Amino acid sequence: MTCDHAKALALAKAGQWDAAHELVQLYCDRTSCLIHAYLHRVEGDNSNARYWYRQAGVTMPANTLEEELERLVDTIASQA
């Protein structure tokens, strides 16, 4: 079973943080970790966000939340 990354991002865009978080927290693949990190940035929990970015193999970016969401959408699209 794999995470539906597009659904998680759609939920995040719709302001359904809990539903998006429930979806990605079950997975440890790189993209799920990036989305998980983004969700914690949205929540304002930068310490937890940094942890999940590290799990994805990157440092927490200095971009805005809007820019990060767009980057994640582009990442998902490139994987399709």
N, C-alpha and C. Protein backbone atom coordinates (compact mmCIF):
# COMPACT_ATOMS: atom_id res chain seq x y z
N MET A 1 0.84 -1.18 0.00
CA MET A 1 0.00 0.00 0.00
C MET A 1 0.89 1.24 0.00
N THR A 2 0.52 2.23 -0.81
CA THR A 2 1.30 3.46 -0.89
C THR A 2 0.42 4.65 -0.53
N CYS A 3 1.08 5.71 -0.14
CA CYS A 3 0.39 6.94 0.23
C CYS A 3 -0.15 7.64 -1.02
N ASP A 4 -1.34 8.18 -0.92
CA ASP A 4 -1.90 8.99 -2.00
C ASP A 4 -1.44 10.43 -1.76
N HIS A 5 -0.26 10.75 -2.29
CA HIS A 5 0.35 12.06 -2.06
C HIS A 5 -0.53 13.19 -2.58
N ALA A 6 -1.12 13.00 -3.75
CA ALA A 6 -1.96 14.05 -4.33
C ALA A 6 -3.16 14.34 -3.43
N LYS A 7 -3.74 13.29 -2.87
CA LYS A 7 -4.88 13.47 -1.97
C LYS A 7 -4.44 14.21 -0.71
N ALA A 8 -3.29 13.85 -0.17
CA ALA A 8 -2.78 14.53 1.03
C ALA A 8 -2.59 16.02 0.78
N LEU A 9 -2.04 16.36 -0.38
CA LEU A 9 -1.84 17.78 -0.70
C LEU A 9 -3.17 18.49 -0.94
N ALA A 10 -4.12 17.80 -1.57
CA ALA A 10 -5.44 18.40 -1.78
C ALA A 10 -6.11 18.69 -0.44
N LEU A 11 -5.98 17.76 0.49
CA LEU A 11 -6.54 17.97 1.83
C LEU A 11 -5.85 19.15 2.51
N ALA A 12 -4.54 19.23 2.37
CA ALA A 12 -3.79 20.34 2.96
C ALA A 12 -4.24 21.67 2.37
N LYS A 13 -4.40 21.71 1.04
CA LYS A 13 -4.86 22.93 0.38
C LYS A 13 -6.24 23.34 0.86
N ALA A 14 -7.08 22.35 1.17
CA ALA A 14 -8.45 22.61 1.62
C ALA A 14 -8.52 22.95 3.11
N GLY A 15 -7.35 23.01 3.75
CA GLY A 15 -7.32 23.34 5.17
C GLY A 15 -7.67 22.18 6.09
N GLN A 16 -7.65 20.98 5.54
CA GLN A 16 -7.97 19.79 6.33
C GLN A 16 -6.68 19.15 6.83
N TRP A 17 -6.01 19.87 7.75
CA TRP A 17 -4.71 19.47 8.26
C TRP A 17 -4.75 18.08 8.87
N ASP A 18 -5.71 17.82 9.75
CA ASP A 18 -5.77 16.53 10.44
C ASP A 18 -5.91 15.37 9.46
N ALA A 19 -6.77 15.52 8.47
CA ALA A 19 -6.97 14.44 7.49
C ALA A 19 -5.70 14.22 6.67
N ALA A 20 -5.05 15.30 6.26
CA ALA A 20 -3.80 15.17 5.50
C ALA A 20 -2.73 14.51 6.36
N HIS A 21 -2.64 14.91 7.61
CA HIS A 21 -1.64 14.35 8.52
C HIS A 21 -1.89 12.87 8.76
N GLU A 22 -3.14 12.49 8.97
CA GLU A 22 -3.48 11.07 9.16
C GLU A 22 -3.05 10.24 7.97
N LEU A 23 -3.20 10.79 6.78
CA LEU A 23 -2.86 10.07 5.57
C LEU A 23 -1.35 9.85 5.44
N VAL A 24 -0.55 10.87 5.68
CA VAL A 24 0.90 10.73 5.45
C VAL A 24 1.66 10.13 6.62
N GLN A 25 1.14 10.22 7.83
CA GLN A 25 1.91 9.78 8.98
C GLN A 25 2.15 8.27 9.00
N LEU A 26 1.44 7.54 8.18
CA LEU A 26 1.60 6.08 8.13
C LEU A 26 2.76 5.64 7.24
N TYR A 27 3.36 6.57 6.50
CA TYR A 27 4.36 6.22 5.48
C TYR A 27 5.69 6.90 5.75
N CYS A 28 6.76 6.25 5.28
CA CYS A 28 8.11 6.77 5.50
C CYS A 28 8.87 7.00 4.20
N ASP A 29 8.18 6.94 3.06
CA ASP A 29 8.86 7.23 1.80
C ASP A 29 9.20 8.72 1.77
N ARG A 30 10.14 9.09 0.90
CA ARG A 30 10.66 10.45 0.86
C ARG A 30 9.55 11.50 0.68
N THR A 31 8.66 11.27 -0.27
CA THR A 31 7.61 12.26 -0.55
C THR A 31 6.65 12.40 0.62
N SER A 32 6.29 11.29 1.24
CA SER A 32 5.43 11.36 2.43
C SER A 32 6.10 12.15 3.54
N CYS A 33 7.40 11.94 3.72
CA CYS A 33 8.14 12.68 4.74
C CYS A 33 8.17 14.17 4.43
N LEU A 34 8.31 14.53 3.15
CA LEU A 34 8.30 15.94 2.77
C LEU A 34 6.94 16.57 3.04
N ILE A 35 5.88 15.86 2.71
CA ILE A 35 4.54 16.38 2.97
C ILE A 35 4.31 16.48 4.48
N HIS A 36 4.74 15.47 5.20
CA HIS A 36 4.61 15.47 6.67
C HIS A 36 5.32 16.68 7.25
N ALA A 37 6.52 16.95 6.76
CA ALA A 37 7.29 18.11 7.22
C ALA A 37 6.54 19.41 6.92
N TYR A 38 6.04 19.52 5.70
CA TYR A 38 5.27 20.72 5.31
C TYR A 38 4.08 20.93 6.25
N LEU A 39 3.37 19.86 6.55
CA LEU A 39 2.20 19.98 7.43
C LEU A 39 2.59 20.50 8.81
N HIS A 40 3.73 20.07 9.31
CA HIS A 40 4.17 20.57 10.61
C HIS A 40 4.62 22.03 10.52
N ARG A 41 5.13 22.44 9.37
CA ARG A 41 5.42 23.88 9.19
C ARG A 41 4.13 24.68 9.23
N VAL A 42 3.10 24.18 8.56
CA VAL A 42 1.80 24.86 8.57
C VAL A 42 1.29 24.98 10.00
N GLU A 43 1.49 23.94 10.77
CA GLU A 43 1.05 23.91 12.16
C GLU A 43 1.87 24.85 13.04
N GLY A 44 3.05 25.23 12.55
CA GLY A 44 3.93 26.08 13.34
C GLY A 44 4.90 25.31 14.21
N ASP A 45 4.98 24.00 14.00
CA ASP A 45 5.87 23.13 14.78
C ASP A 45 7.15 22.89 13.97
N ASN A 46 8.02 23.91 13.94
CA ASN A 46 9.22 23.83 13.12
C ASN A 46 10.20 22.76 13.58
N SER A 47 10.23 22.46 14.86
CA SER A 47 11.11 21.40 15.36
C SER A 47 10.71 20.06 14.76
N ASN A 48 9.43 19.76 14.77
CA ASN A 48 8.93 18.52 14.19
C ASN A 48 9.11 18.55 12.67
N ALA A 49 8.89 19.70 12.06
CA ALA A 49 9.09 19.83 10.61
C ALA A 49 10.53 19.51 10.24
N ARG A 50 11.49 20.06 10.98
CA ARG A 50 12.90 19.78 10.70
C ARG A 50 13.18 18.29 10.79
N TYR A 51 12.60 17.61 11.77
CA TYR A 51 12.78 16.15 11.90
C TYR A 51 12.33 15.45 10.62
N TRP A 52 11.14 15.79 10.13
CA TRP A 52 10.61 15.11 8.95
C TRP A 52 11.38 15.48 7.68
N TYR A 53 11.87 16.71 7.59
CA TYR A 53 12.74 17.04 6.45
C TYR A 53 14.01 16.19 6.52
N ARG A 54 14.58 16.02 7.71
CA ARG A 54 15.77 15.16 7.84
C ARG A 54 15.45 13.73 7.43
N GLN A 55 14.27 13.24 7.79
CA GLN A 55 13.87 11.89 7.38
C GLN A 55 13.82 11.78 5.86
N ALA A 56 13.49 12.89 5.20
CA ALA A 56 13.44 12.92 3.73
C ALA A 56 14.82 13.15 3.11
N GLY A 57 15.82 13.42 3.97
CA GLY A 57 17.19 13.60 3.47
C GLY A 57 17.53 15.02 3.07
N VAL A 58 16.76 15.99 3.54
CA VAL A 58 17.01 17.39 3.19
C VAL A 58 16.92 18.26 4.44
N THR A 59 17.41 19.48 4.33
CA THR A 59 17.24 20.43 5.42
C THR A 59 15.95 21.22 5.19
N MET A 60 15.42 21.80 6.25
CA MET A 60 14.19 22.56 6.12
C MET A 60 14.45 23.79 5.26
N PRO A 61 13.66 23.97 4.20
CA PRO A 61 13.88 25.11 3.31
C PRO A 61 13.47 26.43 3.95
N ALA A 62 13.99 27.50 3.41
CA ALA A 62 13.67 28.84 3.91
C ALA A 62 12.55 29.48 3.08
N ASN A 63 11.89 28.70 2.24
CA ASN A 63 10.83 29.25 1.39
C ASN A 63 9.55 29.46 2.20
N THR A 64 8.59 30.13 1.57
CA THR A 64 7.30 30.35 2.22
C THR A 64 6.48 29.06 2.17
N LEU A 65 5.43 29.02 2.96
CA LEU A 65 4.55 27.85 2.92
C LEU A 65 3.92 27.69 1.54
N GLU A 66 3.56 28.80 0.92
CA GLU A 66 2.97 28.74 -0.41
C GLU A 66 3.96 28.18 -1.43
N GLU A 67 5.21 28.63 -1.34
CA GLU A 67 6.24 28.13 -2.25
C GLU A 67 6.51 26.65 -2.01
N GLU A 68 6.51 26.25 -0.75
CA GLU A 68 6.75 24.84 -0.44
C GLU A 68 5.61 23.96 -0.95
N LEU A 69 4.39 24.42 -0.79
CA LEU A 69 3.25 23.66 -1.30
C LEU A 69 3.36 23.51 -2.81
N GLU A 70 3.70 24.58 -3.51
CA GLU A 70 3.86 24.51 -4.96
C GLU A 70 4.99 23.55 -5.35
N ARG A 71 6.08 23.58 -4.60
CA ARG A 71 7.20 22.67 -4.87
C ARG A 71 6.76 21.22 -4.69
N LEU A 72 5.97 20.96 -3.66
CA LEU A 72 5.49 19.60 -3.42
C LEU A 72 4.53 19.15 -4.53
N VAL A 73 3.66 20.05 -4.96
CA VAL A 73 2.75 19.74 -6.07
C VAL A 73 3.56 19.39 -7.31
N ASP A 74 4.60 20.17 -7.61
CA ASP A 74 5.47 19.89 -8.76
C ASP A 74 6.19 18.55 -8.60
N THR A 75 6.62 18.24 -7.39
CA THR A 75 7.30 16.97 -7.12
C THR A 75 6.37 15.80 -7.42
N ILE A 76 5.14 15.90 -6.96
CA ILE A 76 4.15 14.84 -7.19
C ILE A 76 3.88 14.69 -8.69
N ALA A 77 3.72 15.82 -9.38
CA ALA A 77 3.44 15.79 -10.82
C ALA A 77 4.58 15.14 -11.59
N SER A 78 5.81 15.39 -11.17
CA SER A 78 6.95 14.81 -11.89
C SER A 78 7.08 13.31 -11.64
N GLN A 79 6.45 12.80 -10.59
CA GLN A 79 6.50 11.37 -10.29
C GLN A 79 5.42 10.60 -11.04
N ALA A 80 4.45 11.30 -11.58
CA ALA A 80 3.32 10.64 -12.25
C ALA A 80 3.70 10.10 -13.61
